[in-house]
Amino acid sequence: MGSASLGRFRQAASVSAAWAGVLVLIRIMTDSVSVREAALTFLPWAALTPVAGVACFQLDGIFIGATRTADMRNMMILSLAVFLAAWAVLTPAFGNHGLWASLMVFYAARAASLGVRYPALERAAFAGAA
């Protein structure tokens, strides 16, 4: 079979099962052909969302735990401005794909801006620690 690799075979089987589950779920949720087609069109964006958001979600948790809410607020305002700029450019040009892309830009801006503030969080949290 293929490259005679059991691991790769199992990985392919798992991936195909996951995609089959997603496609079945879309079919269960609606019997409208147009809604199904739209869901399949934007499915890659929905699949990318948790991957694109993992860094900003992790940093959110770190900043919440460290009670650095002012940093979170300020970086959210900055990230919102970046999102709105992306939305203003991408959505008119690409429609709903542009909106999804703007969300990915927002996640990236959120992760980058919190990442820039992370060293200050460490300095404040561990000032005086050797």
N, C-alpha and C. Protein backbone atom coordinates (compact mmCIF):
# COMPACT_ATOMS: atom_id res chain seq x y z
N MET A 1 0.83 -1.19 0.00
CA MET A 1 0.00 0.00 0.00
C MET A 1 0.87 1.25 0.00
N GLY A 2 0.73 2.08 -0.97
CA GLY A 2 1.43 3.35 -1.01
C GLY A 2 2.90 3.21 -0.75
N SER A 3 3.37 3.88 0.26
CA SER A 3 4.80 3.84 0.60
C SER A 3 5.11 2.75 1.62
N ALA A 4 4.18 1.87 1.87
CA ALA A 4 4.34 0.78 2.84
C ALA A 4 4.62 1.30 4.24
N SER A 5 4.03 2.45 4.57
CA SER A 5 4.22 3.05 5.88
C SER A 5 2.91 2.99 6.65
N LEU A 6 2.89 2.20 7.69
CA LEU A 6 1.68 2.06 8.51
C LEU A 6 1.28 3.40 9.12
N GLY A 7 2.27 4.16 9.59
CA GLY A 7 1.97 5.46 10.19
C GLY A 7 1.30 6.42 9.22
N ARG A 8 1.82 6.50 8.01
CA ARG A 8 1.23 7.39 7.00
C ARG A 8 -0.14 6.90 6.58
N PHE A 9 -0.31 5.59 6.49
CA PHE A 9 -1.61 5.01 6.16
C PHE A 9 -2.65 5.40 7.21
N ARG A 10 -2.28 5.24 8.48
CA ARG A 10 -3.20 5.60 9.57
C ARG A 10 -3.51 7.10 9.57
N GLN A 11 -2.50 7.91 9.29
CA GLN A 11 -2.71 9.36 9.24
C GLN A 11 -3.70 9.70 8.12
N ALA A 12 -3.53 9.10 6.95
CA ALA A 12 -4.45 9.35 5.83
C ALA A 12 -5.86 8.90 6.18
N ALA A 13 -5.98 7.76 6.84
CA ALA A 13 -7.30 7.27 7.24
C ALA A 13 -7.95 8.22 8.23
N SER A 14 -7.18 8.74 9.17
CA SER A 14 -7.72 9.67 10.17
C SER A 14 -8.16 10.97 9.52
N VAL A 15 -7.34 11.50 8.64
CA VAL A 15 -7.68 12.77 7.97
C VAL A 15 -8.95 12.59 7.13
N SER A 16 -9.02 11.50 6.38
CA SER A 16 -10.21 11.30 5.55
C SER A 16 -11.46 11.10 6.41
N ALA A 17 -11.31 10.46 7.56
CA ALA A 17 -12.45 10.29 8.46
C ALA A 17 -12.91 11.63 9.02
N ALA A 18 -11.96 12.48 9.36
CA ALA A 18 -12.30 13.81 9.90
C ALA A 18 -13.06 14.63 8.85
N TRP A 19 -12.55 14.63 7.63
CA TRP A 19 -13.23 15.38 6.57
C TRP A 19 -14.61 14.81 6.28
N ALA A 20 -14.73 13.49 6.30
CA ALA A 20 -16.04 12.87 6.08
C ALA A 20 -17.01 13.31 7.17
N GLY A 21 -16.52 13.37 8.42
CA GLY A 21 -17.37 13.82 9.53
C GLY A 21 -17.84 15.24 9.35
N VAL A 22 -16.95 16.10 8.90
CA VAL A 22 -17.32 17.51 8.67
C VAL A 22 -18.36 17.60 7.57
N LEU A 23 -18.14 16.88 6.48
CA LEU A 23 -19.08 16.93 5.37
C LEU A 23 -20.45 16.38 5.76
N VAL A 24 -20.47 15.31 6.55
CA VAL A 24 -21.73 14.75 7.02
C VAL A 24 -22.43 15.76 7.92
N LEU A 25 -21.68 16.41 8.79
CA LEU A 25 -22.26 17.40 9.69
C LEU A 25 -22.94 18.51 8.91
N ILE A 26 -22.29 18.99 7.86
CA ILE A 26 -22.89 20.04 7.03
C ILE A 26 -24.19 19.54 6.42
N ARG A 27 -24.20 18.30 5.97
CA ARG A 27 -25.42 17.73 5.35
C ARG A 27 -26.54 17.55 6.39
N ILE A 28 -26.18 17.24 7.63
CA ILE A 28 -27.18 17.06 8.68
C ILE A 28 -27.79 18.40 9.09
N MET A 29 -26.96 19.45 9.07
CA MET A 29 -27.41 20.76 9.57
C MET A 29 -28.46 21.41 8.67
N THR A 30 -28.41 21.11 7.38
CA THR A 30 -29.36 21.76 6.48
C THR A 30 -29.60 20.88 5.26
N ASP A 31 -30.78 21.03 4.68
CA ASP A 31 -31.03 20.34 3.42
C ASP A 31 -31.00 21.33 2.25
N SER A 32 -30.67 22.57 2.54
CA SER A 32 -30.57 23.60 1.50
C SER A 32 -29.25 23.45 0.74
N VAL A 33 -29.37 23.25 -0.55
CA VAL A 33 -28.18 23.07 -1.38
C VAL A 33 -27.31 24.32 -1.36
N SER A 34 -27.91 25.49 -1.41
CA SER A 34 -27.13 26.73 -1.44
C SER A 34 -26.38 26.95 -0.12
N VAL A 35 -27.00 26.59 1.00
CA VAL A 35 -26.32 26.71 2.30
C VAL A 35 -25.18 25.70 2.38
N ARG A 36 -25.40 24.50 1.90
CA ARG A 36 -24.33 23.49 1.89
C ARG A 36 -23.15 23.95 1.05
N GLU A 37 -23.45 24.50 -0.12
CA GLU A 37 -22.38 24.97 -1.00
C GLU A 37 -21.60 26.11 -0.35
N ALA A 38 -22.31 27.04 0.29
CA ALA A 38 -21.64 28.14 0.98
C ALA A 38 -20.78 27.62 2.12
N ALA A 39 -21.31 26.66 2.87
CA ALA A 39 -20.54 26.10 3.99
C ALA A 39 -19.26 25.44 3.49
N LEU A 40 -19.35 24.72 2.40
CA LEU A 40 -18.16 24.07 1.84
C LEU A 40 -17.18 25.10 1.28
N THR A 41 -17.69 26.18 0.74
CA THR A 41 -16.83 27.23 0.20
C THR A 41 -15.97 27.85 1.28
N PHE A 42 -16.56 28.07 2.45
CA PHE A 42 -15.85 28.76 3.53
C PHE A 42 -15.29 27.81 4.59
N LEU A 43 -15.46 26.52 4.39
CA LEU A 43 -14.93 25.53 5.33
C LEU A 43 -13.42 25.67 5.56
N PRO A 44 -12.61 25.90 4.54
CA PRO A 44 -11.18 26.07 4.81
C PRO A 44 -10.87 27.21 5.77
N TRP A 45 -11.60 28.31 5.66
CA TRP A 45 -11.40 29.42 6.59
C TRP A 45 -11.75 29.00 8.02
N ALA A 46 -12.88 28.31 8.16
CA ALA A 46 -13.29 27.86 9.49
C ALA A 46 -12.27 26.89 10.08
N ALA A 47 -11.70 26.04 9.24
CA ALA A 47 -10.69 25.10 9.71
C ALA A 47 -9.40 25.83 10.11
N LEU A 48 -9.08 26.90 9.43
CA LEU A 48 -7.87 27.67 9.72
C LEU A 48 -8.00 28.50 10.99
N THR A 49 -9.20 28.85 11.36
CA THR A 49 -9.42 29.76 12.49
C THR A 49 -8.76 29.33 13.79
N PRO A 50 -8.92 28.10 14.28
CA PRO A 50 -8.25 27.76 15.54
C PRO A 50 -6.73 27.73 15.42
N VAL A 51 -6.23 27.37 14.25
CA VAL A 51 -4.78 27.36 14.04
C VAL A 51 -4.23 28.79 14.06
N ALA A 52 -4.93 29.67 13.36
CA ALA A 52 -4.49 31.07 13.31
C ALA A 52 -4.65 31.77 14.65
N GLY A 53 -5.61 31.33 15.45
CA GLY A 53 -5.89 32.01 16.71
C GLY A 53 -5.17 31.47 17.93
N VAL A 54 -4.48 30.35 17.80
CA VAL A 54 -3.91 29.71 18.98
C VAL A 54 -2.94 30.61 19.74
N ALA A 55 -2.09 31.34 19.04
CA ALA A 55 -1.10 32.18 19.73
C ALA A 55 -1.77 33.32 20.50
N CYS A 56 -2.75 33.98 19.88
CA CYS A 56 -3.40 35.08 20.59
C CYS A 56 -4.25 34.57 21.75
N PHE A 57 -4.87 33.39 21.58
CA PHE A 57 -5.65 32.83 22.68
C PHE A 57 -4.75 32.45 23.86
N GLN A 58 -3.59 31.87 23.56
CA GLN A 58 -2.65 31.52 24.62
C GLN A 58 -2.16 32.77 25.34
N LEU A 59 -1.80 33.79 24.57
CA LEU A 59 -1.33 35.02 25.19
C LEU A 59 -2.43 35.70 25.99
N ASP A 60 -3.67 35.63 25.52
CA ASP A 60 -4.80 36.15 26.31
C ASP A 60 -4.81 35.51 27.69
N GLY A 61 -4.68 34.20 27.74
CA GLY A 61 -4.68 33.49 29.02
C GLY A 61 -3.54 33.91 29.91
N ILE A 62 -2.37 34.09 29.32
CA ILE A 62 -1.21 34.51 30.10
C ILE A 62 -1.43 35.91 30.67
N PHE A 63 -1.90 36.83 29.83
CA PHE A 63 -2.11 38.19 30.29
C PHE A 63 -3.25 38.28 31.31
N ILE A 64 -4.28 37.48 31.16
CA ILE A 64 -5.36 37.44 32.15
C ILE A 64 -4.82 36.92 33.47
N GLY A 65 -4.08 35.83 33.40
CA GLY A 65 -3.52 35.25 34.62
C GLY A 65 -2.57 36.19 35.34
N ALA A 66 -1.87 37.01 34.58
CA ALA A 66 -0.94 37.98 35.17
C ALA A 66 -1.62 39.30 35.52
N THR A 67 -2.93 39.37 35.33
CA THR A 67 -3.74 40.57 35.58
C THR A 67 -3.21 41.80 34.86
N ARG A 68 -2.78 41.61 33.62
CA ARG A 68 -2.28 42.71 32.80
C ARG A 68 -3.40 43.17 31.86
N THR A 69 -4.52 43.59 32.45
CA THR A 69 -5.69 43.94 31.65
C THR A 69 -5.49 45.23 30.85
N ALA A 70 -4.70 46.15 31.36
CA ALA A 70 -4.46 47.38 30.59
C ALA A 70 -3.73 47.06 29.29
N ASP A 71 -2.74 46.17 29.37
CA ASP A 71 -2.05 45.75 28.15
C ASP A 71 -3.02 45.07 27.19
N MET A 72 -3.87 44.21 27.72
CA MET A 72 -4.84 43.51 26.87
C MET A 72 -5.77 44.50 26.18
N ARG A 73 -6.28 45.47 26.94
CA ARG A 73 -7.17 46.48 26.37
C ARG A 73 -6.48 47.25 25.27
N ASN A 74 -5.26 47.71 25.55
CA ASN A 74 -4.55 48.54 24.58
C ASN A 74 -4.20 47.76 23.31
N MET A 75 -3.80 46.52 23.48
CA MET A 75 -3.46 45.71 22.31
C MET A 75 -4.71 45.30 21.54
N MET A 76 -5.85 45.18 22.24
CA MET A 76 -7.11 44.90 21.55
C MET A 76 -7.53 46.09 20.70
N ILE A 77 -7.36 47.28 21.23
CA ILE A 77 -7.69 48.49 20.46
C ILE A 77 -6.81 48.57 19.21
N LEU A 78 -5.52 48.31 19.38
CA LEU A 78 -4.60 48.31 18.23
C LEU A 78 -5.01 47.22 17.23
N SER A 79 -5.30 46.03 17.72
CA SER A 79 -5.69 44.92 16.84
C SER A 79 -7.00 45.21 16.14
N LEU A 80 -7.93 45.86 16.82
CA LEU A 80 -9.19 46.26 16.19
C LEU A 80 -8.93 47.23 15.04
N ALA A 81 -8.03 48.18 15.25
CA ALA A 81 -7.70 49.13 14.18
C ALA A 81 -7.12 48.40 12.97
N VAL A 82 -6.25 47.43 13.23
CA VAL A 82 -5.66 46.64 12.13
C VAL A 82 -6.75 45.84 11.42
N PHE A 83 -7.64 45.23 12.20
CA PHE A 83 -8.76 44.47 11.62
C PHE A 83 -9.62 45.36 10.74
N LEU A 84 -9.98 46.54 11.25
CA LEU A 84 -10.86 47.42 10.49
C LEU A 84 -10.21 47.88 9.18
N ALA A 85 -8.91 48.13 9.23
CA ALA A 85 -8.19 48.50 8.00
C ALA A 85 -8.21 47.33 7.00
N ALA A 86 -7.93 46.11 7.50
CA ALA A 86 -7.96 44.94 6.62
C ALA A 86 -9.37 44.71 6.07
N TRP A 87 -10.36 44.83 6.94
CA TRP A 87 -11.75 44.66 6.53
C TRP A 87 -12.14 45.66 5.44
N ALA A 88 -11.72 46.92 5.62
CA ALA A 88 -12.07 47.97 4.66
C ALA A 88 -11.47 47.71 3.29
N VAL A 89 -10.31 47.07 3.26
CA VAL A 89 -9.64 46.79 1.99
C VAL A 89 -10.07 45.44 1.42
N LEU A 90 -10.09 44.41 2.26
CA LEU A 90 -10.27 43.04 1.77
C LEU A 90 -11.73 42.68 1.48
N THR A 91 -12.65 43.15 2.30
CA THR A 91 -14.05 42.74 2.11
C THR A 91 -14.64 43.29 0.81
N PRO A 92 -14.42 44.57 0.47
CA PRO A 92 -14.95 45.02 -0.82
C PRO A 92 -14.32 44.27 -2.01
N ALA A 93 -13.06 43.91 -1.87
CA ALA A 93 -12.36 43.24 -2.97
C ALA A 93 -12.69 41.76 -3.08
N PHE A 94 -12.90 41.10 -1.95
CA PHE A 94 -13.05 39.64 -1.96
C PHE A 94 -14.31 39.12 -1.29
N GLY A 95 -15.20 40.01 -0.87
CA GLY A 95 -16.46 39.59 -0.27
C GLY A 95 -16.24 38.87 1.05
N ASN A 96 -16.97 37.77 1.25
CA ASN A 96 -16.89 37.04 2.51
C ASN A 96 -15.49 36.44 2.73
N HIS A 97 -14.80 36.10 1.65
CA HIS A 97 -13.41 35.63 1.80
C HIS A 97 -12.56 36.74 2.41
N GLY A 98 -12.82 37.98 2.01
CA GLY A 98 -12.09 39.11 2.58
C GLY A 98 -12.39 39.30 4.06
N LEU A 99 -13.63 39.05 4.44
CA LEU A 99 -14.00 39.13 5.86
C LEU A 99 -13.26 38.07 6.67
N TRP A 100 -13.23 36.84 6.16
CA TRP A 100 -12.49 35.78 6.84
C TRP A 100 -11.00 36.11 6.91
N ALA A 101 -10.45 36.62 5.82
CA ALA A 101 -9.02 36.99 5.81
C ALA A 101 -8.77 38.10 6.83
N SER A 102 -9.69 39.02 6.96
CA SER A 102 -9.55 40.09 7.96
C SER A 102 -9.52 39.53 9.38
N LEU A 103 -10.31 38.50 9.63
CA LEU A 103 -10.29 37.84 10.93
C LEU A 103 -8.92 37.22 11.20
N MET A 104 -8.33 36.60 10.18
CA MET A 104 -6.99 36.01 10.33
C MET A 104 -5.96 37.11 10.60
N VAL A 105 -6.10 38.25 9.94
CA VAL A 105 -5.21 39.39 10.18
C VAL A 105 -5.38 39.88 11.62
N PHE A 106 -6.62 39.92 12.09
CA PHE A 106 -6.88 40.32 13.48
C PHE A 106 -6.17 39.40 14.46
N TYR A 107 -6.29 38.09 14.24
CA TYR A 107 -5.61 37.14 15.12
C TYR A 107 -4.10 37.35 15.10
N ALA A 108 -3.56 37.58 13.93
CA ALA A 108 -2.11 37.81 13.82
C ALA A 108 -1.71 39.10 14.53
N ALA A 109 -2.50 40.15 14.36
CA ALA A 109 -2.20 41.42 15.04
C ALA A 109 -2.30 41.27 16.55
N ARG A 110 -3.27 40.52 16.98
CA ARG A 110 -3.47 40.28 18.42
C ARG A 110 -2.27 39.52 19.01
N ALA A 111 -1.84 38.47 18.32
CA ALA A 111 -0.69 37.70 18.78
C ALA A 111 0.58 38.55 18.75
N ALA A 112 0.78 39.29 17.68
CA ALA A 112 1.99 40.09 17.55
C ALA A 112 2.04 41.20 18.60
N SER A 113 0.92 41.88 18.79
CA SER A 113 0.93 43.00 19.74
C SER A 113 1.10 42.51 21.17
N LEU A 114 0.44 41.42 21.53
CA LEU A 114 0.63 40.86 22.87
C LEU A 114 2.04 40.29 23.01
N GLY A 115 2.55 39.71 21.94
CA GLY A 115 3.91 39.20 21.96
C GLY A 115 4.94 40.28 22.21
N VAL A 116 4.70 41.44 21.66
CA VAL A 116 5.60 42.58 21.89
C VAL A 116 5.55 43.02 23.35
N ARG A 117 4.41 42.92 23.97
CA ARG A 117 4.23 43.32 25.38
C ARG A 117 4.68 42.23 26.37
N TYR A 118 4.86 41.01 25.89
CA TYR A 118 5.20 39.89 26.77
C TYR A 118 6.48 40.11 27.58
N PRO A 119 7.57 40.62 27.00
CA PRO A 119 8.77 40.84 27.83
C PRO A 119 8.53 41.79 29.01
N ALA A 120 7.70 42.80 28.81
CA ALA A 120 7.38 43.72 29.91
C ALA A 120 6.59 43.00 31.00
N LEU A 121 5.71 42.08 30.60
CA LEU A 121 4.97 41.28 31.57
C LEU A 121 5.94 40.47 32.42
N GLU A 122 6.90 39.82 31.77
CA GLU A 122 7.87 39.02 32.52
C GLU A 122 8.71 39.90 33.47
N ARG A 123 9.15 41.04 32.95
CA ARG A 123 9.96 41.94 33.81
C ARG A 123 9.18 42.38 35.04
N ALA A 124 7.92 42.74 34.84
CA ALA A 124 7.08 43.19 35.96
C ALA A 124 6.77 42.05 36.93
N ALA A 125 6.49 40.89 36.38
CA ALA A 125 6.08 39.75 37.22
C ALA A 125 7.25 39.18 38.02
N PHE A 126 8.47 39.30 37.46
CA PHE A 126 9.60 38.66 38.09
C PHE A 126 10.70 39.64 38.45
N ALA A 127 10.32 40.91 38.65
CA ALA A 127 11.30 41.91 39.08
C ALA A 127 11.84 41.49 40.45
N GLY A 128 13.12 41.45 40.56
CA GLY A 128 13.73 41.08 41.82
C GLY A 128 13.96 39.59 41.97
N ALA A 129 13.39 38.80 41.08
CA ALA A 129 13.63 37.34 41.15
C ALA A 129 14.97 37.05 40.51
N ALA A 130 15.70 36.20 41.11
CA ALA A 130 17.03 35.89 40.58
C ALA A 130 16.91 34.68 39.77
